[in-house]
């Protein structure tokens, strides 16, 4: 189970992947192409070429979790294809999975209190 906690780190791969790839192949891709540890607890998100499918890969402490979602209509909102990764918040991930326009939402700045108490 992938828990959408506030401190969750989400890494979005910008290049599309072959959706026949297994959990083992995606884990290797995280290590080699994204230069990250697939067992660190972060969520790694991959997309298909048509942008109507998304895969999430995460280590939950006892095993690797692989989630796949297809949209029946429309496409997932995705940043332009380029090398590298994009980091999302847990809220942006939830919006992405729901098929919403997560790129148009930005968090409101919160001022740090100057005085304690």
PDB file of N, CA and C in Angstrom:
ATOM      1  N   UNK A   1       0.843  -1.181   0.000  1.00  0.00           N
ATOM      2  CA  UNK A   1       0.000   0.000   0.000  1.00  0.00           C
ATOM      3  C   UNK A   1       0.883   1.237   0.000  1.00  0.00           C
ATOM      4  N   UNK A   2       0.556   2.210  -0.825  1.00  0.00           N
ATOM      5  CA  UNK A   2       1.293   3.466  -0.864  1.00  0.00           C
ATOM      6  C   UNK A   2       0.489   4.498  -0.082  1.00  0.00           C
ATOM      7  N   UNK A   3       1.049   4.939   1.041  1.00  0.00           N
ATOM      8  CA  UNK A   3       0.378   5.936   1.871  1.00  0.00           C
ATOM      9  C   UNK A   3       0.769   7.328   1.396  1.00  0.00           C
ATOM     10  N   UNK A   4      -0.225   8.168   1.134  1.00  0.00           N
ATOM     11  CA  UNK A   4       0.034   9.530   0.673  1.00  0.00           C
ATOM     12  C   UNK A   4       0.197  10.445   1.875  1.00  0.00           C
ATOM     13  N   UNK A   5       1.355  10.356   2.518  1.00  0.00           N
ATOM     14  CA  UNK A   5       1.660  11.191   3.681  1.00  0.00           C
ATOM     15  C   UNK A   5       2.290  12.505   3.217  1.00  0.00           C
ATOM     16  N   UNK A   6       2.290  13.507   4.060  1.00  0.00           N
ATOM     17  CA  UNK A   6       2.760  14.841   3.664  1.00  0.00           C
ATOM     18  C   UNK A   6       4.250  14.890   3.357  1.00  0.00           C
ATOM     19  N   UNK A   7       5.048  14.013   3.972  1.00  0.00           N
ATOM     20  CA  UNK A   7       6.488  14.026   3.714  1.00  0.00           C
ATOM     21  C   UNK A   7       6.906  13.064   2.603  1.00  0.00           C
ATOM     22  N   UNK A   8       5.941  12.518   1.884  1.00  0.00           N
ATOM     23  CA  UNK A   8       6.222  11.579   0.808  1.00  0.00           C
ATOM     24  C   UNK A   8       6.964  12.274  -0.323  1.00  0.00           C
ATOM     25  N   UNK A   9       8.026  11.647  -0.813  1.00  0.00           N
ATOM     26  CA  UNK A   9       8.771  12.170  -1.956  1.00  0.00           C
ATOM     27  C   UNK A   9       8.326  11.404  -3.193  1.00  0.00           C
ATOM     28  N   UNK A  10       7.937  12.145  -4.217  1.00  0.00           N
ATOM     29  CA  UNK A  10       7.439  11.553  -5.456  1.00  0.00           C
ATOM     30  C   UNK A  10       8.351  11.989  -6.590  1.00  0.00           C
ATOM     31  N   UNK A  11       8.868  11.017  -7.328  1.00  0.00           N
ATOM     32  CA  UNK A  11       9.767  11.283  -8.439  1.00  0.00           C
ATOM     33  C   UNK A  11       9.073  10.846  -9.720  1.00  0.00           C
ATOM     34  N   UNK A  12       8.906  11.791 -10.634  1.00  0.00           N
ATOM     35  CA  UNK A  12       8.200  11.568 -11.886  1.00  0.00           C
ATOM     36  C   UNK A  12       9.231  11.432 -13.004  1.00  0.00           C
ATOM     37  N   UNK A  13       9.300  10.276 -13.654  1.00  0.00           N
ATOM     38  CA  UNK A  13      10.202  10.088 -14.790  1.00  0.00           C
ATOM     39  C   UNK A  13       9.597  10.793 -16.000  1.00  0.00           C
ATOM     40  N   UNK A  14      10.370  11.634 -16.662  1.00  0.00           N
ATOM     41  CA  UNK A  14       9.809  12.422 -17.760  1.00  0.00           C
ATOM     42  C   UNK A  14       9.776  11.665 -19.076  1.00  0.00           C
ATOM     43  N   UNK A  15      10.581  10.627 -19.216  1.00  0.00           N
ATOM     44  CA  UNK A  15      10.583   9.823 -20.439  1.00  0.00           C
ATOM     45  C   UNK A  15       9.539   8.707 -20.325  1.00  0.00           C
ATOM     46  N   UNK A  16       8.777   8.442 -21.388  1.00  0.00           N
ATOM     47  CA  UNK A  16       7.823   7.323 -21.336  1.00  0.00           C
ATOM     48  C   UNK A  16       8.555   5.982 -21.276  1.00  0.00           C
ATOM     49  N   UNK A  17       7.888   4.974 -20.698  1.00  0.00           N
ATOM     50  CA  UNK A  17       8.463   3.628 -20.604  1.00  0.00           C
ATOM     51  C   UNK A  17       7.545   2.621 -21.283  1.00  0.00           C
ATOM     52  N   UNK A  18       8.123   1.512 -21.653  1.00  0.00           N
ATOM     53  CA  UNK A  18       7.374   0.386 -22.200  1.00  0.00           C
ATOM     54  C   UNK A  18       6.567  -0.218 -21.059  1.00  0.00           C
ATOM     55  N   UNK A  19       5.259  -0.286 -21.201  1.00  0.00           N
ATOM     56  CA  UNK A  19       4.411  -0.733 -20.103  1.00  0.00           C
ATOM     57  C   UNK A  19       4.401  -2.241 -19.901  1.00  0.00           C
ATOM     58  N   UNK A  20       5.199  -2.959 -20.676  1.00  0.00           N
ATOM     59  CA  UNK A  20       5.385  -4.387 -20.437  1.00  0.00           C
ATOM     60  C   UNK A  20       6.458  -4.621 -19.383  1.00  0.00           C
ATOM     61  N   UNK A  21       7.157  -3.558 -18.958  1.00  0.00           N
ATOM     62  CA  UNK A  21       8.233  -3.686 -17.968  1.00  0.00           C
ATOM     63  C   UNK A  21       7.668  -4.146 -16.632  1.00  0.00           C
ATOM     64  N   UNK A  22       8.417  -5.053 -16.008  1.00  0.00           N
ATOM     65  CA  UNK A  22       8.007  -5.608 -14.717  1.00  0.00           C
ATOM     66  C   UNK A  22       8.547  -4.763 -13.564  1.00  0.00           C
ATOM     67  N   UNK A  23       8.198  -5.160 -12.351  1.00  0.00           N
ATOM     68  CA  UNK A  23       8.665  -4.462 -11.163  1.00  0.00           C
ATOM     69  C   UNK A  23      10.192  -4.508 -11.091  1.00  0.00           C
ATOM     70  N   UNK A  24      10.806  -5.602 -11.515  1.00  0.00           N
ATOM     71  CA  UNK A  24      12.259  -5.731 -11.467  1.00  0.00           C
ATOM     72  C   UNK A  24      12.928  -4.798 -12.477  1.00  0.00           C
ATOM     73  N   UNK A  25      12.378  -4.720 -13.672  1.00  0.00           N
ATOM     74  CA  UNK A  25      12.940  -3.856 -14.705  1.00  0.00           C
ATOM     75  C   UNK A  25      12.766  -2.392 -14.334  1.00  0.00           C
ATOM     76  N   UNK A  26      11.617  -2.024 -13.781  1.00  0.00           N
ATOM     77  CA  UNK A  26      11.403  -0.641 -13.353  1.00  0.00           C
ATOM     78  C   UNK A  26      12.320  -0.284 -12.185  1.00  0.00           C
ATOM     79  N   UNK A  27      12.567  -1.213 -11.281  1.00  0.00           N
ATOM     80  CA  UNK A  27      13.498  -0.970 -10.179  1.00  0.00           C
ATOM     81  C   UNK A  27      14.902  -0.698 -10.710  1.00  0.00           C
ATOM     82  N   UNK A  28      15.318  -1.473 -11.703  1.00  0.00           N
ATOM     83  CA  UNK A  28      16.627  -1.250 -12.329  1.00  0.00           C
ATOM     84  C   UNK A  28      16.661   0.105 -13.033  1.00  0.00           C
ATOM     85  N   UNK A  29      15.561   0.488 -13.654  1.00  0.00           N
ATOM     86  CA  UNK A  29      15.477   1.780 -14.332  1.00  0.00           C
ATOM     87  C   UNK A  29      15.608   2.931 -13.328  1.00  0.00           C
ATOM     88  N   UNK A  30      15.006   2.782 -12.156  1.00  0.00           N
ATOM     89  CA  UNK A  30      15.133   3.798 -11.102  1.00  0.00           C
ATOM     90  C   UNK A  30      16.603   3.949 -10.727  1.00  0.00           C
ATOM     91  N   UNK A  31      17.296   2.830 -10.548  1.00  0.00           N
ATOM     92  CA  UNK A  31      18.711   2.873 -10.162  1.00  0.00           C
ATOM     93  C   UNK A  31      19.586   3.470 -11.254  1.00  0.00           C
ATOM     94  N   UNK A  32      19.422   2.986 -12.475  1.00  0.00           N
ATOM     95  CA  UNK A  32      20.333   3.352 -13.555  1.00  0.00           C
ATOM     96  C   UNK A  32      19.987   4.684 -14.217  1.00  0.00           C
ATOM     97  N   UNK A  33      18.749   4.884 -14.581  1.00  0.00           N
ATOM     98  CA  UNK A  33      18.373   6.084 -15.342  1.00  0.00           C
ATOM     99  C   UNK A  33      18.041   7.273 -14.438  1.00  0.00           C
ATOM    100  N   UNK A  34      17.403   7.008 -13.308  1.00  0.00           N
ATOM    101  CA  UNK A  34      17.006   8.099 -12.422  1.00  0.00           C
ATOM    102  C   UNK A  34      18.020   8.349 -11.306  1.00  0.00           C
ATOM    103  N   UNK A  35      19.032   7.480 -11.191  1.00  0.00           N
ATOM    104  CA  UNK A  35      20.087   7.608 -10.187  1.00  0.00           C
ATOM    105  C   UNK A  35      19.516   7.733  -8.780  1.00  0.00           C
ATOM    106  N   UNK A  36      18.577   6.834  -8.482  1.00  0.00           N
ATOM    107  CA  UNK A  36      17.933   6.834  -7.168  1.00  0.00           C
ATOM    108  C   UNK A  36      17.881   5.406  -6.639  1.00  0.00           C
ATOM    109  N   UNK A  37      17.618   5.283  -5.356  1.00  0.00           N
ATOM    110  CA  UNK A  37      17.499   3.983  -4.711  1.00  0.00           C
ATOM    111  C   UNK A  37      16.029   3.576  -4.721  1.00  0.00           C
ATOM    112  N   UNK A  38      15.654   2.518  -5.452  1.00  0.00           N
ATOM    113  CA  UNK A  38      14.239   2.122  -5.501  1.00  0.00           C
ATOM    114  C   UNK A  38      13.696   1.632  -4.161  1.00  0.00           C
ATOM    115  N   UNK A  39      14.582   1.353  -3.187  1.00  0.00           N
ATOM    116  CA  UNK A  39      14.164   0.840  -1.879  1.00  0.00           C
ATOM    117  C   UNK A  39      14.178   1.916  -0.793  1.00  0.00           C
ATOM    118  N   UNK A  40      14.167   3.185  -1.181  1.00  0.00           N
ATOM    119  CA  UNK A  40      14.262   4.278  -0.206  1.00  0.00           C
ATOM    120  C   UNK A  40      12.898   4.704   0.346  1.00  0.00           C
ATOM    121  N   UNK A  41      11.811   4.218  -0.211  1.00  0.00           N
ATOM    122  CA  UNK A  41      10.481   4.595   0.278  1.00  0.00           C
ATOM    123  C   UNK A  41       9.820   5.684  -0.537  1.00  0.00           C
ATOM    124  N   UNK A  42      10.560   6.276  -1.489  1.00  0.00           N
ATOM    125  CA  UNK A  42       9.955   7.266  -2.383  1.00  0.00           C
ATOM    126  C   UNK A  42       9.053   6.561  -3.394  1.00  0.00           C
ATOM    127  N   UNK A  43       8.164   7.317  -4.014  1.00  0.00           N
ATOM    128  CA  UNK A  43       7.297   6.780  -5.058  1.00  0.00           C
ATOM    129  C   UNK A  43       7.853   7.232  -6.402  1.00  0.00           C
ATOM    130  N   UNK A  44       8.029   6.300  -7.311  1.00  0.00           N
ATOM    131  CA  UNK A  44       8.533   6.584  -8.648  1.00  0.00           C
ATOM    132  C   UNK A  44       7.390   6.387  -9.628  1.00  0.00           C
ATOM    133  N   UNK A  45       7.155   7.397 -10.459  1.00  0.00           N
ATOM    134  CA  UNK A  45       5.995   7.403 -11.356  1.00  0.00           C
ATOM    135  C   UNK A  45       6.485   7.354 -12.799  1.00  0.00           C
ATOM    136  N   UNK A  46       5.889   6.459 -13.589  1.00  0.00           N
ATOM    137  CA  UNK A  46       6.231   6.290 -14.995  1.00  0.00           C
ATOM    138  C   UNK A  46       4.977   6.415 -15.839  1.00  0.00           C
ATOM    139  N   UNK A  47       5.140   6.849 -17.073  1.00  0.00           N
ATOM    140  CA  UNK A  47       3.990   6.998 -17.964  1.00  0.00           C
ATOM    141  C   UNK A  47       4.204   6.227 -19.256  1.00  0.00           C
ATOM    142  N   UNK A  48       3.102   5.972 -19.932  1.00  0.00           N
ATOM    143  CA  UNK A  48       3.157   5.341 -21.253  1.00  0.00           C
ATOM    144  C   UNK A  48       3.322   6.429 -22.315  1.00  0.00           C
ATOM    145  N   UNK A  49       3.621   5.998 -23.516  1.00  0.00           N
ATOM    146  CA  UNK A  49       3.805   6.944 -24.613  1.00  0.00           C
ATOM    147  C   UNK A  49       2.520   7.711 -24.917  1.00  0.00           C
ATOM    148  N   UNK A  50       1.382   7.040 -24.799  1.00  0.00           N
ATOM    149  CA  UNK A  50       0.082   7.683 -25.093  1.00  0.00           C
ATOM    150  C   UNK A  50      -0.433   8.550 -23.952  1.00  0.00           C
ATOM    151  N   UNK A  51       0.227   8.504 -22.796  1.00  0.00           N
ATOM    152  CA  UNK A  51      -0.113   9.297 -21.609  1.00  0.00           C
ATOM    153  C   UNK A  51      -1.469   8.952 -21.007  1.00  0.00           C
ATOM    154  N   UNK A  52      -2.029   7.794 -21.358  1.00  0.00           N
ATOM    155  CA  UNK A  52      -3.300   7.371 -20.766  1.00  0.00           C
ATOM    156  C   UNK A  52      -3.087   6.310 -19.687  1.00  0.00           C
ATOM    157  N   UNK A  53      -1.814   5.973 -19.431  1.00  0.00           N
ATOM    158  CA  UNK A  53      -1.480   4.969 -18.422  1.00  0.00           C
ATOM    159  C   UNK A  53      -0.356   5.489 -17.543  1.00  0.00           C
ATOM    160  N   UNK A  54      -0.398   5.075 -16.294  1.00  0.00           N
ATOM    161  CA  UNK A  54       0.629   5.478 -15.345  1.00  0.00           C
ATOM    162  C   UNK A  54       0.950   4.289 -14.439  1.00  0.00           C
ATOM    163  N   UNK A  55       2.235   4.133 -14.077  1.00  0.00           N
ATOM    164  CA  UNK A  55       2.670   3.108 -13.136  1.00  0.00           C
ATOM    165  C   UNK A  55       3.388   3.784 -11.988  1.00  0.00           C
ATOM    166  N   UNK A  56       3.102   3.324 -10.768  1.00  0.00           N
ATOM    167  CA  UNK A  56       3.772   3.810  -9.572  1.00  0.00           C
ATOM    168  C   UNK A  56       4.540   2.649  -8.964  1.00  0.00           C
ATOM    169  N   UNK A  57       5.771   2.921  -8.568  1.00  0.00           N
ATOM    170  CA  UNK A  57       6.633   1.916  -7.965  1.00  0.00           C
ATOM    171  C   UNK A  57       7.108   2.449  -6.618  1.00  0.00           C
ATOM    172  N   UNK A  58       6.964   1.643  -5.566  1.00  0.00           N
ATOM    173  CA  UNK A  58       7.388   2.083  -4.236  1.00  0.00           C
ATOM    174  C   UNK A  58       7.724   0.883  -3.365  1.00  0.00           C
ATOM    175  N   UNK A  59       8.705   1.071  -2.509  1.00  0.00           N
ATOM    176  CA  UNK A  59       9.067   0.090  -1.490  1.00  0.00           C
ATOM    177  C   UNK A  59       8.312   0.456  -0.222  1.00  0.00           C
ATOM    178  N   UNK A  60       7.528  -0.473   0.340  1.00  0.00           N
ATOM    179  CA  UNK A  60       6.730  -0.151   1.530  1.00  0.00           C
ATOM    180  C   UNK A  60       7.336  -0.677   2.820  1.00  0.00           C
ATOM    181  N   UNK A  61       8.555  -1.177   2.760  1.00  0.00           N
ATOM    182  CA  UNK A  61       9.222  -1.701   3.948  1.00  0.00           C
ATOM    183  C   UNK A  61       9.235  -3.207   4.018  1.00  0.00           C
ATOM    184  N   UNK A  62       8.284  -3.857   3.352  1.00  0.00           N
ATOM    185  CA  UNK A  62       8.243  -5.316   3.350  1.00  0.00           C
ATOM    186  C   UNK A  62       8.258  -5.899   1.944  1.00  0.00           C
ATOM    187  N   UNK A  63       8.099  -5.045   0.951  1.00  0.00           N
ATOM    188  CA  UNK A  63       8.102  -5.503  -0.435  1.00  0.00           C
ATOM    189  C   UNK A  63       7.882  -4.339  -1.391  1.00  0.00           C
ATOM    190  N   UNK A  64       8.050  -4.621  -2.663  1.00  0.00           N
ATOM    191  CA  UNK A  64       7.883  -3.609  -3.703  1.00  0.00           C
ATOM    192  C   UNK A  64       6.422  -3.592  -4.139  1.00  0.00           C
ATOM    193  N   UNK A  65       5.862  -2.379  -4.245  1.00  0.00           N
ATOM    194  CA  UNK A  65       4.476  -2.193  -4.659  1.00  0.00           C
ATOM    195  C   UNK A  65       4.483  -1.615  -6.070  1.00  0.00           C
ATOM    196  N   UNK A  66       3.708  -2.195  -6.953  1.00  0.00           N
ATOM    197  CA  UNK A  66       3.568  -1.696  -8.315  1.00  0.00           C
ATOM    198  C   UNK A  66       2.086  -1.464  -8.578  1.00  0.00           C
ATOM    199  N   UNK A  67       1.743  -0.218  -8.890  1.00  0.00           N
ATOM    200  CA  UNK A  67       0.357   0.166  -9.146  1.00  0.00           C
ATOM    201  C   UNK A  67       0.266   0.637 -10.589  1.00  0.00           C
ATOM    202  N   UNK A  68      -0.758   0.193 -11.298  1.00  0.00           N
ATOM    203  CA  UNK A  68      -0.984   0.613 -12.674  1.00  0.00           C
ATOM    204  C   UNK A  68      -2.388   1.183 -12.785  1.00  0.00           C
ATOM    205  N   UNK A  69      -2.505   2.284 -13.530  1.00  0.00           N
ATOM    206  CA  UNK A  69      -3.834   2.867 -13.766  1.00  0.00           C
ATOM    207  C   UNK A  69      -3.949   3.266 -15.230  1.00  0.00           C
ATOM    208  N   UNK A  70      -5.093   2.939 -15.834  1.00  0.00           N
ATOM    209  CA  UNK A  70      -5.435   3.343 -17.188  1.00  0.00           C
ATOM    210  C   UNK A  70      -6.626   4.272 -17.118  1.00  0.00           C
ATOM    211  N   UNK A  71      -6.612   5.320 -17.910  1.00  0.00           N
ATOM    212  CA  UNK A  71      -7.790   6.175 -18.048  1.00  0.00           C
ATOM    213  C   UNK A  71      -8.594   5.677 -19.242  1.00  0.00           C
ATOM    214  N   UNK A  72      -9.899   5.571 -19.076  1.00  0.00           N
ATOM    215  CA  UNK A  72     -10.749   5.142 -20.187  1.00  0.00           C
ATOM    216  C   UNK A  72     -10.907   6.250 -21.211  1.00  0.00           C
ATOM    217  N   UNK A  73     -10.900   7.480 -20.746  1.00  0.00           N
ATOM    218  CA  UNK A  73     -11.001   8.636 -21.636  1.00  0.00           C
ATOM    219  C   UNK A  73      -9.983   9.670 -21.183  1.00  0.00           C
ATOM    220  N   UNK A  74      -9.408  10.377 -22.134  1.00  0.00           N
ATOM    221  CA  UNK A  74      -8.478  11.453 -21.809  1.00  0.00           C
ATOM    222  C   UNK A  74      -7.079  10.944 -21.525  1.00  0.00           C
ATOM    223  N   UNK A  75      -6.256  11.847 -21.017  1.00  0.00           N
ATOM    224  CA  UNK A  75      -4.863  11.548 -20.730  1.00  0.00           C
ATOM    225  C   UNK A  75      -4.467  12.161 -19.399  1.00  0.00           C
ATOM    226  N   UNK A  76      -3.419  11.605 -18.827  1.00  0.00           N
ATOM    227  CA  UNK A  76      -2.859  12.182 -17.613  1.00  0.00           C
ATOM    228  C   UNK A  76      -2.100  13.450 -17.987  1.00  0.00           C
ATOM    229  N   UNK A  77      -2.106  14.433 -17.083  1.00  0.00           N
ATOM    230  CA  UNK A  77      -1.322  15.651 -17.277  1.00  0.00           C
ATOM    231  C   UNK A  77       0.126  15.323 -16.986  1.00  0.00           C
ATOM    232  N   UNK A  78       1.003  15.652 -17.934  1.00  0.00           N
ATOM    233  CA  UNK A  78       2.412  15.301 -17.797  1.00  0.00           C
ATOM    234  C   UNK A  78       3.281  16.468 -18.241  1.00  0.00           C
ATOM    235  N   UNK A  79       4.419  16.662 -17.610  1.00  0.00           N
ATOM    236  CA  UNK A  79       5.314  17.733 -18.062  1.00  0.00           C
ATOM    237  C   UNK A  79       5.909  17.376 -19.424  1.00  0.00           C
ATOM    238  N   UNK A  80       6.499  18.344 -20.122  1.00  0.00           N
ATOM    239  CA  UNK A  80       7.110  18.052 -21.427  1.00  0.00           C
ATOM    240  C   UNK A  80       8.166  16.956 -21.315  1.00  0.00           C
ATOM    241  N   UNK A  81       8.308  16.162 -22.373  1.00  0.00           N
ATOM    242  CA  UNK A  81       9.305  15.093 -22.385  1.00  0.00           C
ATOM    243  C   UNK A  81      10.690  15.712 -22.482  1.00  0.00           C
ATOM    244  N   UNK A  82      11.534  15.362 -21.516  1.00  0.00           N
ATOM    245  CA  UNK A  82      12.933  15.772 -21.514  1.00  0.00           C
ATOM    246  C   UNK A  82      13.670  14.825 -20.590  1.00  0.00           C
ATOM    247  N   UNK A  83      14.976  14.855 -20.628  1.00  0.00           N
ATOM    248  CA  UNK A  83      15.742  13.994 -19.730  1.00  0.00           C
ATOM    249  C   UNK A  83      15.591  14.491 -18.304  1.00  0.00           C
ATOM    250  N   UNK A  84      15.664  13.566 -17.376  1.00  0.00           N
ATOM    251  CA  UNK A  84      15.615  13.954 -15.978  1.00  0.00           C
ATOM    252  C   UNK A  84      14.324  13.558 -15.303  1.00  0.00           C
ATOM    253  N   UNK A  85      14.095  14.193 -14.170  1.00  0.00           N
ATOM    254  CA  UNK A  85      12.932  13.882 -13.353  1.00  0.00           C
ATOM    255  C   UNK A  85      12.262  15.162 -12.878  1.00  0.00           C
ATOM    256  N   UNK A  86      11.030  15.013 -12.433  1.00  0.00           N
ATOM    257  CA  UNK A  86      10.271  16.098 -11.831  1.00  0.00           C
ATOM    258  C   UNK A  86       9.835  15.591 -10.463  1.00  0.00           C
ATOM    259  N   UNK A  87       9.920  16.438  -9.450  1.00  0.00           N
ATOM    260  CA  UNK A  87       9.490  16.056  -8.102  1.00  0.00           C
ATOM    261  C   UNK A  87       8.106  16.635  -7.842  1.00  0.00           C
ATOM    262  N   UNK A  88       7.219  15.805  -7.281  1.00  0.00           N
ATOM    263  CA  UNK A  88       5.853  16.207  -6.968  1.00  0.00           C
ATOM    264  C   UNK A  88       5.608  16.095  -5.472  1.00  0.00           C
ATOM    265  N   UNK A  89       4.610  16.812  -5.009  1.00  0.00           N
ATOM    266  CA  UNK A  89       4.136  16.639  -3.641  1.00  0.00           C
ATOM    267  C   UNK A  89       3.125  15.498  -3.622  1.00  0.00           C
ATOM    268  N   UNK A  90       2.769  15.039  -2.430  1.00  0.00           N
ATOM    269  CA  UNK A  90       1.761  13.987  -2.297  1.00  0.00           C
ATOM    270  C   UNK A  90       0.420  14.453  -2.865  1.00  0.00           C
ATOM    271  N   UNK A  91       0.097  15.727  -2.681  1.00  0.00           N
ATOM    272  CA  UNK A  91      -1.158  16.275  -3.210  1.00  0.00           C
ATOM    273  C   UNK A  91      -1.150  16.276  -4.731  1.00  0.00           C
ATOM    274  N   UNK A  92      -0.030  16.683  -5.331  1.00  0.00           N
ATOM    275  CA  UNK A  92       0.076  16.678  -6.794  1.00  0.00           C
ATOM    276  C   UNK A  92      -0.021  15.261  -7.340  1.00  0.00           C
ATOM    277  N   UNK A  93       0.565  14.286  -6.643  1.00  0.00           N
ATOM    278  CA  UNK A  93       0.458  12.888  -7.062  1.00  0.00           C
ATOM    279  C   UNK A  93      -0.998  12.438  -7.041  1.00  0.00           C
ATOM    280  N   UNK A  94      -1.718  12.771  -5.973  1.00  0.00           N
ATOM    281  CA  UNK A  94      -3.125  12.387  -5.882  1.00  0.00           C
ATOM    282  C   UNK A  94      -3.921  12.998  -7.033  1.00  0.00           C
ATOM    283  N   UNK A  95      -3.622  14.243  -7.364  1.00  0.00           N
ATOM    284  CA  UNK A  95      -4.307  14.901  -8.478  1.00  0.00           C
ATOM    285  C   UNK A  95      -3.951  14.246  -9.811  1.00  0.00           C
ATOM    286  N   UNK A  96      -2.674  13.902  -9.993  1.00  0.00           N
ATOM    287  CA  UNK A  96      -2.239  13.221 -11.217  1.00  0.00           C
ATOM    288  C   UNK A  96      -2.998  11.912 -11.388  1.00  0.00           C
ATOM    289  N   UNK A  97      -3.052  11.112 -10.330  1.00  0.00           N
ATOM    290  CA  UNK A  97      -3.725   9.815 -10.380  1.00  0.00           C
ATOM    291  C   UNK A  97      -5.215   9.974 -10.659  1.00  0.00           C
ATOM    292  N   UNK A  98      -5.812  11.062 -10.182  1.00  0.00           N
ATOM    293  CA  UNK A  98      -7.233  11.326 -10.440  1.00  0.00           C
ATOM    294  C   UNK A  98      -7.483  11.894 -11.832  1.00  0.00           C
ATOM    295  N   UNK A  99      -6.398  12.172 -12.579  1.00  0.00           N
ATOM    296  CA  UNK A  99      -6.558  12.707 -13.931  1.00  0.00           C
ATOM    297  C   UNK A  99      -6.797  14.208 -13.963  1.00  0.00           C
ATOM    298  N   UNK A 100      -6.450  14.910 -12.873  1.00  0.00           N
ATOM    299  CA  UNK A 100      -6.680  16.354 -12.784  1.00  0.00           C
ATOM    300  C   UNK A 100      -5.458  17.141 -13.259  1.00  0.00           C
ATOM    301  N   UNK A 101      -5.650  18.420 -13.514  1.00  0.00           N
ATOM    302  CA  UNK A 101      -4.585  19.314 -13.975  1.00  0.00           C
ATOM    303  C   UNK A 101      -3.715  19.753 -12.799  1.00  0.00           C
ATOM    304  N   UNK A 102      -2.824  18.905 -12.332  1.00  0.00           N
ATOM    305  CA  UNK A 102      -1.999  19.196 -11.168  1.00  0.00           C
ATOM    306  C   UNK A 102      -0.978  20.303 -11.434  1.00  0.00           C
ATOM    307  N   UNK A 103      -0.636  20.566 -12.692  1.00  0.00           N
ATOM    308  CA  UNK A 103       0.366  21.586 -13.012  1.00  0.00           C
ATOM    309  C   UNK A 103      -0.155  23.001 -12.789  1.00  0.00           C
ATOM    310  N   UNK A 104      -1.464  23.171 -12.688  1.00  0.00           N
ATOM    311  CA  UNK A 104      -2.059  24.493 -12.496  1.00  0.00           C
ATOM    312  C   UNK A 104      -2.262  24.857 -11.035  1.00  0.00           C
ATOM    313  N   UNK A 105      -1.919  23.943 -10.145  1.00  0.00           N
ATOM    314  CA  UNK A 105      -2.118  24.167  -8.718  1.00  0.00           C
ATOM    315  C   UNK A 105      -0.764  24.410  -8.075  1.00  0.00           C
ATOM    316  N   UNK A 106      -0.685  25.462  -7.285  1.00  0.00           N
ATOM    317  CA  UNK A 106       0.552  25.725  -6.541  1.00  0.00           C
ATOM    318  C   UNK A 106       0.186  25.989  -5.085  1.00  0.00           C
ATOM    319  N   UNK A 107       1.035  25.528  -4.186  1.00  0.00           N
ATOM    320  CA  UNK A 107       0.725  25.736  -2.765  1.00  0.00           C
ATOM    321  C   UNK A 107       0.836  27.208  -2.387  1.00  0.00           C
ATOM    322  N   UNK A 108      -0.001  27.611  -1.443  1.00  0.00           N
ATOM    323  CA  UNK A 108       0.068  28.981  -0.941  1.00  0.00           C
ATOM    324  C   UNK A 108       1.284  29.096  -0.025  1.00  0.00           C
ATOM    325  N   UNK A 109       2.020  30.198  -0.144  1.00  0.00           N
ATOM    326  CA  UNK A 109       3.173  30.364   0.749  1.00  0.00           C
ATOM    327  C   UNK A 109       2.708  30.560   2.185  1.00  0.00           C
ATOM    328  N   UNK A 110       3.415  29.947   3.103  1.00  0.00           N
ATOM    329  CA  UNK A 110       3.089  30.048   4.524  1.00  0.00           C
ATOM    330  C   UNK A 110       4.249  30.762   5.203  1.00  0.00           C
ATOM    331  N   UNK A 111       3.930  31.861   5.880  1.00  0.00           N
ATOM    332  CA  UNK A 111       4.972  32.607   6.580  1.00  0.00           C
ATOM    333  C   UNK A 111       5.329  31.903   7.887  1.00  0.00           C
ATOM    334  N   UNK A 112       6.612  31.848   8.164  1.00  0.00           N
ATOM    335  CA  UNK A 112       7.077  31.270   9.407  1.00  0.00           C
ATOM    336  C   UNK A 112       6.869  32.296  10.522  1.00  0.00           C
ATOM    337  N   UNK A 113       6.320  31.885  11.657  1.00  0.00           N
ATOM    338  CA  UNK A 113       6.104  32.833  12.754  1.00  0.00           C
ATOM    339  C   UNK A 113       7.429  33.450  13.210  1.00  0.00           C
ATOM    340  N   UNK A 114       7.394  34.740  13.508  1.00  0.00           N
ATOM    341  CA  UNK A 114       8.596  35.443  13.973  1.00  0.00           C
ATOM    342  C   UNK A 114       8.785  35.284  15.482  1.00  0.00           C
ATOM    343  N   UNK A 115       7.672  35.087  16.195  1.00  0.00           N
ATOM    344  CA  UNK A 115       7.714  34.978  17.643  1.00  0.00           C
ATOM    345  C   UNK A 115       7.102  33.650  18.053  1.00  0.00           C
ATOM    346  N   UNK A 116       7.757  32.968  18.972  1.00  0.00           N
ATOM    347  CA  UNK A 116       7.244  31.694  19.484  1.00  0.00           C
ATOM    348  C   UNK A 116       6.452  31.982  20.747  1.00  0.00           C
ATOM    349  N   UNK A 117       5.222  31.373  20.807  1.00  0.00           N
ATOM    350  CA  UNK A 117       4.463  31.505  22.042  1.00  0.00           C
ATOM    351  C   UNK A 117       3.225  32.269  21.955  1.00  0.00           C
TER     352      UNK A 117
END
